[in-house]
Amino acid sequence: MARSLLLLAVLMASTVVPSLAQQEPQPQQQQSFPLPPFLTPRGTPEDQRACRPDAQKFCKDVIGDDDAVLRCFQANRPRLSPACAAVLIKYGK
């Protein structure tokens, strides 16, 4: 009887393994994790609120181009509001 069970187990394993090997590999789903604020071009919502008036005042021609807005902020640093200037300092810009 033990021999029969062993043969049955081997037979079952031999039919399952090849069928698994023939399956198409499933693409792994990538989880998206939010980037920390210092890696996002626009910063946190609080950072955006702090700099929005300055962006509209000094950089309205380049709004939508994050790099250009940053350059504009840097060029106008002495005229920025204290809150927006603090955001630039916070990110080392």
PDB file of N, CA and C in Angstrom:
ATOM      1  N   MET A   1       0.809  -1.182   0.000  1.00  0.00           N
ATOM      2  CA  MET A   1       0.000   0.000   0.000  1.00  0.00           C
ATOM      3  C   MET A   1       0.862   1.259   0.000  1.00  0.00           C
ATOM      4  N   ALA A   2       1.926   1.255   0.788  1.00  0.00           N
ATOM      5  CA  ALA A   2       2.813   2.414   0.818  1.00  0.00           C
ATOM      6  C   ALA A   2       3.425   2.645  -0.555  1.00  0.00           C
ATOM      7  N   ARG A   3       3.739   1.527  -1.239  1.00  0.00           N
ATOM      8  CA  ARG A   3       4.321   1.649  -2.576  1.00  0.00           C
ATOM      9  C   ARG A   3       3.297   2.281  -3.520  1.00  0.00           C
ATOM     10  N   SER A   4       2.040   1.934  -3.404  1.00  0.00           N
ATOM     11  CA  SER A   4       0.984   2.491  -4.254  1.00  0.00           C
ATOM     12  C   SER A   4       0.832   3.988  -4.010  1.00  0.00           C
ATOM     13  N   LEU A   5       0.895   4.404  -2.734  1.00  0.00           N
ATOM     14  CA  LEU A   5       0.785   5.832  -2.413  1.00  0.00           C
ATOM     15  C   LEU A   5       1.976   6.612  -2.958  1.00  0.00           C
ATOM     16  N   LEU A   6       3.163   6.014  -2.849  1.00  0.00           N
ATOM     17  CA  LEU A   6       4.358   6.661  -3.371  1.00  0.00           C
ATOM     18  C   LEU A   6       4.265   6.832  -4.882  1.00  0.00           C
ATOM     19  N   LEU A   7       3.831   5.791  -5.582  1.00  0.00           N
ATOM     20  CA  LEU A   7       3.683   5.869  -7.036  1.00  0.00           C
ATOM     21  C   LEU A   7       2.629   6.902  -7.421  1.00  0.00           C
ATOM     22  N   LEU A   8       1.549   6.954  -6.662  1.00  0.00           N
ATOM     23  CA  LEU A   8       0.501   7.936  -6.928  1.00  0.00           C
ATOM     24  C   LEU A   8       1.031   9.353  -6.734  1.00  0.00           C
ATOM     25  N   ALA A   9       1.810   9.567  -5.682  1.00  0.00           N
ATOM     26  CA  ALA A   9       2.383  10.890  -5.420  1.00  0.00           C
ATOM     27  C   ALA A   9       3.351  11.294  -6.527  1.00  0.00           C
ATOM     28  N   VAL A  10       4.185  10.355  -6.975  1.00  0.00           N
ATOM     29  CA  VAL A  10       5.136  10.640  -8.060  1.00  0.00           C
ATOM     30  C   VAL A  10       4.382  10.946  -9.348  1.00  0.00           C
ATOM     31  N   LEU A  11       3.338  10.192  -9.636  1.00  0.00           N
ATOM     32  CA  LEU A  11       2.544  10.405 -10.834  1.00  0.00           C
ATOM     33  C   LEU A  11       1.881  11.775 -10.811  1.00  0.00           C
ATOM     34  N   MET A  12       1.318  12.141  -9.668  1.00  0.00           N
ATOM     35  CA  MET A  12       0.662  13.443  -9.553  1.00  0.00           C
ATOM     36  C   MET A  12       1.679  14.579  -9.687  1.00  0.00           C
ATOM     37  N   ALA A  13       2.828  14.428  -9.072  1.00  0.00           N
ATOM     38  CA  ALA A  13       3.852  15.467  -9.154  1.00  0.00           C
ATOM     39  C   ALA A  13       4.373  15.608 -10.568  1.00  0.00           C
ATOM     40  N   SER A  14       4.487  14.516 -11.291  1.00  0.00           N
ATOM     41  CA  SER A  14       5.017  14.588 -12.652  1.00  0.00           C
ATOM     42  C   SER A  14       4.038  15.252 -13.612  1.00  0.00           C
ATOM     43  N   THR A  15       2.763  15.250 -13.300  1.00  0.00           N
ATOM     44  CA  THR A  15       1.802  15.927 -14.176  1.00  0.00           C
ATOM     45  C   THR A  15       1.634  17.387 -13.804  1.00  0.00           C
ATOM     46  N   VAL A  16       1.857  17.740 -12.551  1.00  0.00           N
ATOM     47  CA  VAL A  16       1.680  19.123 -12.120  1.00  0.00           C
ATOM     48  C   VAL A  16       2.875  19.980 -12.509  1.00  0.00           C
ATOM     49  N   VAL A  17       4.086  19.505 -12.309  1.00  0.00           N
ATOM     50  CA  VAL A  17       5.291  20.295 -12.550  1.00  0.00           C
ATOM     51  C   VAL A  17       5.414  20.733 -14.006  1.00  0.00           C
ATOM     52  N   PRO A  18       5.229  19.845 -15.010  1.00  0.00           N
ATOM     53  CA  PRO A  18       5.333  20.320 -16.379  1.00  0.00           C
ATOM     54  C   PRO A  18       4.266  21.353 -16.733  1.00  0.00           C
ATOM     55  N   SER A  19       3.085  21.212 -16.195  1.00  0.00           N
ATOM     56  CA  SER A  19       2.053  22.186 -16.513  1.00  0.00           C
ATOM     57  C   SER A  19       2.390  23.549 -15.917  1.00  0.00           C
ATOM     58  N   LEU A  20       3.022  23.582 -14.755  1.00  0.00           N
ATOM     59  CA  LEU A  20       3.449  24.846 -14.172  1.00  0.00           C
ATOM     60  C   LEU A  20       4.586  25.464 -14.973  1.00  0.00           C
ATOM     61  N   ALA A  21       5.456  24.628 -15.492  1.00  0.00           N
ATOM     62  CA  ALA A  21       6.597  25.127 -16.251  1.00  0.00           C
ATOM     63  C   ALA A  21       6.156  25.745 -17.574  1.00  0.00           C
ATOM     64  N   GLN A  22       5.016  25.318 -18.098  1.00  0.00           N
ATOM     65  CA  GLN A  22       4.555  25.822 -19.387  1.00  0.00           C
ATOM     66  C   GLN A  22       3.726  27.095 -19.261  1.00  0.00           C
ATOM     67  N   GLN A  23       3.387  27.472 -18.075  1.00  0.00           N
ATOM     68  CA  GLN A  23       2.595  28.689 -17.902  1.00  0.00           C
ATOM     69  C   GLN A  23       3.433  29.909 -18.250  1.00  0.00           C
ATOM     70  N   GLU A  24       2.759  30.872 -18.850  1.00  0.00           N
ATOM     71  CA  GLU A  24       3.431  32.135 -19.157  1.00  0.00           C
ATOM     72  C   GLU A  24       3.753  32.846 -17.850  1.00  0.00           C
ATOM     73  N   PRO A  25       4.931  33.417 -17.771  1.00  0.00           N
ATOM     74  CA  PRO A  25       5.243  34.159 -16.551  1.00  0.00           C
ATOM     75  C   PRO A  25       4.333  35.383 -16.451  1.00  0.00           C
ATOM     76  N   GLN A  26       3.807  35.604 -15.286  1.00  0.00           N
ATOM     77  CA  GLN A  26       2.942  36.749 -15.053  1.00  0.00           C
ATOM     78  C   GLN A  26       3.806  37.973 -14.774  1.00  0.00           C
ATOM     79  N   PRO A  27       3.500  39.086 -15.431  1.00  0.00           N
ATOM     80  CA  PRO A  27       4.282  40.286 -15.131  1.00  0.00           C
ATOM     81  C   PRO A  27       4.016  40.719 -13.690  1.00  0.00           C
ATOM     82  N   GLN A  28       5.064  41.096 -13.027  1.00  0.00           N
ATOM     83  CA  GLN A  28       4.909  41.524 -11.645  1.00  0.00           C
ATOM     84  C   GLN A  28       4.344  42.930 -11.628  1.00  0.00           C
ATOM     85  N   GLN A  29       3.355  43.118 -10.793  1.00  0.00           N
ATOM     86  CA  GLN A  29       2.802  44.446 -10.665  1.00  0.00           C
ATOM     87  C   GLN A  29       3.748  45.272  -9.810  1.00  0.00           C
ATOM     88  N   GLN A  30       4.033  46.446 -10.325  1.00  0.00           N
ATOM     89  CA  GLN A  30       4.895  47.327  -9.559  1.00  0.00           C
ATOM     90  C   GLN A  30       4.021  48.221  -8.698  1.00  0.00           C
ATOM     91  N   GLN A  31       4.352  48.274  -7.442  1.00  0.00           N
ATOM     92  CA  GLN A  31       3.630  49.163  -6.564  1.00  0.00           C
ATOM     93  C   GLN A  31       4.238  50.541  -6.699  1.00  0.00           C
ATOM     94  N   SER A  32       3.384  51.525  -6.789  1.00  0.00           N
ATOM     95  CA  SER A  32       3.924  52.865  -6.852  1.00  0.00           C
ATOM     96  C   SER A  32       3.850  53.476  -5.464  1.00  0.00           C
ATOM     97  N   PHE A  33       4.959  53.952  -5.035  1.00  0.00           N
ATOM     98  CA  PHE A  33       5.044  54.598  -3.743  1.00  0.00           C
ATOM     99  C   PHE A  33       5.222  56.085  -3.993  1.00  0.00           C
ATOM    100  N   PRO A  34       4.574  56.911  -3.221  1.00  0.00           N
ATOM    101  CA  PRO A  34       4.753  58.346  -3.438  1.00  0.00           C
ATOM    102  C   PRO A  34       6.185  58.757  -3.131  1.00  0.00           C
ATOM    103  N   LEU A  35       6.684  59.656  -3.918  1.00  0.00           N
ATOM    104  CA  LEU A  35       8.031  60.159  -3.690  1.00  0.00           C
ATOM    105  C   LEU A  35       8.026  61.083  -2.481  1.00  0.00           C
ATOM    106  N   PRO A  36       9.113  61.115  -1.747  1.00  0.00           N
ATOM    107  CA  PRO A  36       9.187  62.070  -0.647  1.00  0.00           C
ATOM    108  C   PRO A  36       9.209  63.486  -1.210  1.00  0.00           C
ATOM    109  N   PRO A  37       8.748  64.460  -0.438  1.00  0.00           N
ATOM    110  CA  PRO A  37       8.630  65.821  -0.958  1.00  0.00           C
ATOM    111  C   PRO A  37       9.912  66.394  -1.540  1.00  0.00           C
ATOM    112  N   PHE A  38      11.079  66.017  -0.993  1.00  0.00           N
ATOM    113  CA  PHE A  38      12.309  66.600  -1.513  1.00  0.00           C
ATOM    114  C   PHE A  38      12.697  66.032  -2.873  1.00  0.00           C
ATOM    115  N   LEU A  39      12.010  64.979  -3.347  1.00  0.00           N
ATOM    116  CA  LEU A  39      12.278  64.449  -4.674  1.00  0.00           C
ATOM    117  C   LEU A  39      11.206  64.836  -5.692  1.00  0.00           C
ATOM    118  N   THR A  40      10.149  65.461  -5.241  1.00  0.00           N
ATOM    119  CA  THR A  40       9.115  65.899  -6.168  1.00  0.00           C
ATOM    120  C   THR A  40       9.423  67.323  -6.579  1.00  0.00           C
ATOM    121  N   PRO A  41       9.241  67.648  -7.834  1.00  0.00           N
ATOM    122  CA  PRO A  41       9.629  68.976  -8.284  1.00  0.00           C
ATOM    123  C   PRO A  41       8.815  70.097  -7.652  1.00  0.00           C
ATOM    124  N   ARG A  42       7.602  69.829  -7.236  1.00  0.00           N
ATOM    125  CA  ARG A  42       6.749  70.903  -6.729  1.00  0.00           C
ATOM    126  C   ARG A  42       6.670  70.945  -5.206  1.00  0.00           C
ATOM    127  N   GLY A  43       7.244  70.003  -4.523  1.00  0.00           N
ATOM    128  CA  GLY A  43       7.192  70.003  -3.069  1.00  0.00           C
ATOM    129  C   GLY A  43       5.832  69.587  -2.537  1.00  0.00           C
ATOM    130  N   THR A  44       5.644  69.792  -1.260  1.00  0.00           N
ATOM    131  CA  THR A  44       4.393  69.414  -0.602  1.00  0.00           C
ATOM    132  C   THR A  44       3.307  70.427  -0.940  1.00  0.00           C
ATOM    133  N   PRO A  45       2.051  70.088  -0.671  1.00  0.00           N
ATOM    134  CA  PRO A  45       0.990  71.081  -0.880  1.00  0.00           C
ATOM    135  C   PRO A  45       1.223  72.361  -0.068  1.00  0.00           C
ATOM    136  N   GLU A  46       1.779  72.228   1.125  1.00  0.00           N
ATOM    137  CA  GLU A  46       2.089  73.415   1.936  1.00  0.00           C
ATOM    138  C   GLU A  46       3.157  74.273   1.253  1.00  0.00           C
ATOM    139  N   ASP A  47       4.169  73.606   0.678  1.00  0.00           N
ATOM    140  CA  ASP A  47       5.215  74.337  -0.041  1.00  0.00           C
ATOM    141  C   ASP A  47       4.616  75.088  -1.229  1.00  0.00           C
ATOM    142  N   GLN A  48       3.722  74.426  -1.933  1.00  0.00           N
ATOM    143  CA  GLN A  48       3.091  75.053  -3.091  1.00  0.00           C
ATOM    144  C   GLN A  48       2.271  76.270  -2.667  1.00  0.00           C
ATOM    145  N   ARG A  49       1.526  76.142  -1.560  1.00  0.00           N
ATOM    146  CA  ARG A  49       0.734  77.283  -1.076  1.00  0.00           C
ATOM    147  C   ARG A  49       1.634  78.446  -0.677  1.00  0.00           C
ATOM    148  N   ALA A  50       2.788  78.132  -0.089  1.00  0.00           N
ATOM    149  CA  ALA A  50       3.704  79.186   0.344  1.00  0.00           C
ATOM    150  C   ALA A  50       4.296  79.947  -0.839  1.00  0.00           C
ATOM    151  N   CYS A  51       4.502  79.260  -1.954  1.00  0.00           N
ATOM    152  CA  CYS A  51       5.178  79.891  -3.098  1.00  0.00           C
ATOM    153  C   CYS A  51       4.244  80.303  -4.236  1.00  0.00           C
ATOM    154  N   ARG A  52       2.982  79.910  -4.162  1.00  0.00           N
ATOM    155  CA  ARG A  52       2.065  80.227  -5.263  1.00  0.00           C
ATOM    156  C   ARG A  52       1.974  81.737  -5.542  1.00  0.00           C
ATOM    157  N   PRO A  53       1.817  82.598  -4.513  1.00  0.00           N
ATOM    158  CA  PRO A  53       1.745  84.035  -4.818  1.00  0.00           C
ATOM    159  C   PRO A  53       3.019  84.566  -5.485  1.00  0.00           C
ATOM    160  N   ASP A  54       4.172  84.091  -5.033  1.00  0.00           N
ATOM    161  CA  ASP A  54       5.430  84.533  -5.642  1.00  0.00           C
ATOM    162  C   ASP A  54       5.547  84.036  -7.075  1.00  0.00           C
ATOM    163  N   ALA A  55       5.098  82.815  -7.325  1.00  0.00           N
ATOM    164  CA  ALA A  55       5.145  82.276  -8.687  1.00  0.00           C
ATOM    165  C   ALA A  55       4.267  83.108  -9.613  1.00  0.00           C
ATOM    166  N   GLN A  56       3.083  83.486  -9.134  1.00  0.00           N
ATOM    167  CA  GLN A  56       2.190  84.290  -9.963  1.00  0.00           C
ATOM    168  C   GLN A  56       2.715  85.705 -10.146  1.00  0.00           C
ATOM    169  N   LYS A  57       3.409  86.204  -9.159  1.00  0.00           N
ATOM    170  CA  LYS A  57       3.924  87.578  -9.212  1.00  0.00           C
ATOM    171  C   LYS A  57       5.183  87.693 -10.071  1.00  0.00           C
ATOM    172  N   PHE A  58       6.139  86.781  -9.868  1.00  0.00           N
ATOM    173  CA  PHE A  58       7.442  86.910 -10.525  1.00  0.00           C
ATOM    174  C   PHE A  58       7.644  85.969 -11.714  1.00  0.00           C
ATOM    175  N   CYS A  59       6.938  84.855 -11.739  1.00  0.00           N
ATOM    176  CA  CYS A  59       7.269  83.792 -12.693  1.00  0.00           C
ATOM    177  C   CYS A  59       6.077  83.350 -13.529  1.00  0.00           C
ATOM    178  N   LYS A  60       5.079  84.208 -13.698  1.00  0.00           N
ATOM    179  CA  LYS A  60       3.848  83.776 -14.373  1.00  0.00           C
ATOM    180  C   LYS A  60       4.089  83.317 -15.805  1.00  0.00           C
ATOM    181  N   ASP A  61       5.140  83.797 -16.447  1.00  0.00           N
ATOM    182  CA  ASP A  61       5.422  83.398 -17.837  1.00  0.00           C
ATOM    183  C   ASP A  61       5.944  81.967 -17.951  1.00  0.00           C
ATOM    184  N   VAL A  62       6.446  81.407 -16.862  1.00  0.00           N
ATOM    185  CA  VAL A  62       7.040  80.068 -16.936  1.00  0.00           C
ATOM    186  C   VAL A  62       6.321  79.046 -16.070  1.00  0.00           C
ATOM    187  N   ILE A  63       5.177  79.419 -15.488  1.00  0.00           N
ATOM    188  CA  ILE A  63       4.423  78.465 -14.664  1.00  0.00           C
ATOM    189  C   ILE A  63       4.069  77.260 -15.521  1.00  0.00           C
ATOM    190  N   GLY A  64       4.305  76.096 -14.982  1.00  0.00           N
ATOM    191  CA  GLY A  64       4.093  74.837 -15.703  1.00  0.00           C
ATOM    192  C   GLY A  64       5.415  74.151 -16.022  1.00  0.00           C
ATOM    193  N   ASP A  65       6.493  74.913 -16.052  1.00  0.00           N
ATOM    194  CA  ASP A  65       7.839  74.374 -16.257  1.00  0.00           C
ATOM    195  C   ASP A  65       8.555  74.472 -14.910  1.00  0.00           C
ATOM    196  N   ASP A  66       8.557  73.368 -14.165  1.00  0.00           N
ATOM    197  CA  ASP A  66       9.082  73.393 -12.799  1.00  0.00           C
ATOM    198  C   ASP A  66      10.522  73.886 -12.714  1.00  0.00           C
ATOM    199  N   ASP A  67      11.359  73.474 -13.656  1.00  0.00           N
ATOM    200  CA  ASP A  67      12.758  73.910 -13.629  1.00  0.00           C
ATOM    201  C   ASP A  67      12.862  75.411 -13.861  1.00  0.00           C
ATOM    202  N   ALA A  68      12.064  75.922 -14.777  1.00  0.00           N
ATOM    203  CA  ALA A  68      12.094  77.358 -15.066  1.00  0.00           C
ATOM    204  C   ALA A  68      11.572  78.160 -13.871  1.00  0.00           C
ATOM    205  N   VAL A  69      10.555  77.651 -13.192  1.00  0.00           N
ATOM    206  CA  VAL A  69      10.036  78.340 -12.009  1.00  0.00           C
ATOM    207  C   VAL A  69      11.107  78.366 -10.920  1.00  0.00           C
ATOM    208  N   LEU A  70      11.802  77.271 -10.727  1.00  0.00           N
ATOM    209  CA  LEU A  70      12.873  77.246  -9.729  1.00  0.00           C
ATOM    210  C   LEU A  70      13.956  78.263 -10.077  1.00  0.00           C
ATOM    211  N   ARG A  71      14.345  78.315 -11.344  1.00  0.00           N
ATOM    212  CA  ARG A  71      15.352  79.310 -11.753  1.00  0.00           C
ATOM    213  C   ARG A  71      14.835  80.729 -11.529  1.00  0.00           C
ATOM    214  N   CYS A  72      13.560  80.943 -11.801  1.00  0.00           N
ATOM    215  CA  CYS A  72      12.950  82.249 -11.576  1.00  0.00           C
ATOM    216  C   CYS A  72      12.966  82.605 -10.094  1.00  0.00           C
ATOM    217  N   PHE A  73      12.616  81.640  -9.238  1.00  0.00           N
ATOM    218  CA  PHE A  73      12.666  81.882  -7.799  1.00  0.00           C
ATOM    219  C   PHE A  73      14.083  82.238  -7.364  1.00  0.00           C
ATOM    220  N   GLN A  74      15.053  81.513  -7.886  1.00  0.00           N
ATOM    221  CA  GLN A  74      16.440  81.776  -7.502  1.00  0.00           C
ATOM    222  C   GLN A  74      16.874  83.169  -7.968  1.00  0.00           C
ATOM    223  N   ALA A  75      16.442  83.570  -9.163  1.00  0.00           N
ATOM    224  CA  ALA A  75      16.801  84.898  -9.677  1.00  0.00           C
ATOM    225  C   ALA A  75      16.122  86.005  -8.878  1.00  0.00           C
ATOM    226  N   ASN A  76      14.956  85.715  -8.316  1.00  0.00           N
ATOM    227  CA  ASN A  76      14.197  86.709  -7.562  1.00  0.00           C
ATOM    228  C   ASN A  76      14.261  86.484  -6.060  1.00  0.00           C
ATOM    229  N   ARG A  77      15.231  85.734  -5.613  1.00  0.00           N
ATOM    230  CA  ARG A  77      15.325  85.360  -4.191  1.00  0.00           C
ATOM    231  C   ARG A  77      15.188  86.558  -3.245  1.00  0.00           C
ATOM    232  N   PRO A  78      15.825  87.689  -3.489  1.00  0.00           N
ATOM    233  CA  PRO A  78      15.686  88.803  -2.531  1.00  0.00           C
ATOM    234  C   PRO A  78      14.248  89.347  -2.428  1.00  0.00           C
ATOM    235  N   ARG A  79      13.454  89.135  -3.449  1.00  0.00           N
ATOM    236  CA  ARG A  79      12.084  89.672  -3.456  1.00  0.00           C
ATOM    237  C   ARG A  79      11.031  88.644  -3.042  1.00  0.00           C
ATOM    238  N   LEU A  80      11.429  87.391  -2.810  1.00  0.00           N
ATOM    239  CA  LEU A  80      10.464  86.356  -2.436  1.00  0.00           C
ATOM    240  C   LEU A  80       9.907  86.605  -1.043  1.00  0.00           C
ATOM    241  N   SER A  81       8.689  86.132  -0.828  1.00  0.00           N
ATOM    242  CA  SER A  81       8.101  86.201   0.512  1.00  0.00           C
ATOM    243  C   SER A  81       8.935  85.333   1.453  1.00  0.00           C
ATOM    244  N   PRO A  82       8.918  85.650   2.726  1.00  0.00           N
ATOM    245  CA  PRO A  82       9.672  84.829   3.679  1.00  0.00           C
ATOM    246  C   PRO A  82       9.258  83.352   3.642  1.00  0.00           C
ATOM    247  N   ALA A  83       7.965  83.079   3.445  1.00  0.00           N
ATOM    248  CA  ALA A  83       7.497  81.687   3.420  1.00  0.00           C
ATOM    249  C   ALA A  83       8.081  80.930   2.226  1.00  0.00           C
ATOM    250  N   CYS A  84       8.090  81.553   1.065  1.00  0.00           N
ATOM    251  CA  CYS A  84       8.621  80.882  -0.131  1.00  0.00           C
ATOM    252  C   CYS A  84      10.153  80.765  -0.052  1.00  0.00           C
ATOM    253  N   ALA A  85      10.794  81.793   0.474  1.00  0.00           N
ATOM    254  CA  ALA A  85      12.248  81.734   0.652  1.00  0.00           C
ATOM    255  C   ALA A  85      12.608  80.585   1.590  1.00  0.00           C
ATOM    256  N   ALA A  86      11.777  80.361   2.607  1.00  0.00           N
ATOM    257  CA  ALA A  86      12.024  79.258   3.545  1.00  0.00           C
ATOM    258  C   ALA A  86      11.885  77.910   2.844  1.00  0.00           C
ATOM    259  N   VAL A  87      10.967  77.816   1.876  1.00  0.00           N
ATOM    260  CA  VAL A  87      10.804  76.564   1.127  1.00  0.00           C
ATOM    261  C   VAL A  87      12.073  76.285   0.327  1.00  0.00           C
ATOM    262  N   LEU A  88      12.623  77.297  -0.319  1.00  0.00           N
ATOM    263  CA  LEU A  88      13.867  77.101  -1.088  1.00  0.00           C
ATOM    264  C   LEU A  88      15.000  76.672  -0.171  1.00  0.00           C
ATOM    265  N   ILE A  89      15.091  77.298   0.982  1.00  0.00           N
ATOM    266  CA  ILE A  89      16.142  76.930   1.932  1.00  0.00           C
ATOM    267  C   ILE A  89      15.930  75.494   2.421  1.00  0.00           C
ATOM    268  N   LYS A  90      14.669  75.138   2.665  1.00  0.00           N
ATOM    269  CA  LYS A  90      14.335  73.790   3.150  1.00  0.00           C
ATOM    270  C   LYS A  90      14.870  72.707   2.216  1.00  0.00           C
ATOM    271  N   TYR A  91      14.810  72.962   0.904  1.00  0.00           N
ATOM    272  CA  TYR A  91      15.270  71.974  -0.065  1.00  0.00           C
ATOM    273  C   TYR A  91      16.684  72.253  -0.581  1.00  0.00           C
ATOM    274  N   GLY A  92      17.357  73.203   0.016  1.00  0.00           N
ATOM    275  CA  GLY A  92      18.732  73.491  -0.374  1.00  0.00           C
ATOM    276  C   GLY A  92      18.849  74.099  -1.758  1.00  0.00           C
ATOM    277  N   LYS A  93      17.852  74.834  -2.157  1.00  0.00           N
ATOM    278  CA  LYS A  93      17.863  75.456  -3.485  1.00  0.00           C
ATOM    279  C   LYS A  93      18.150  76.913  -3.328  1.00  0.00           C
TER     280      LYS A  93
END
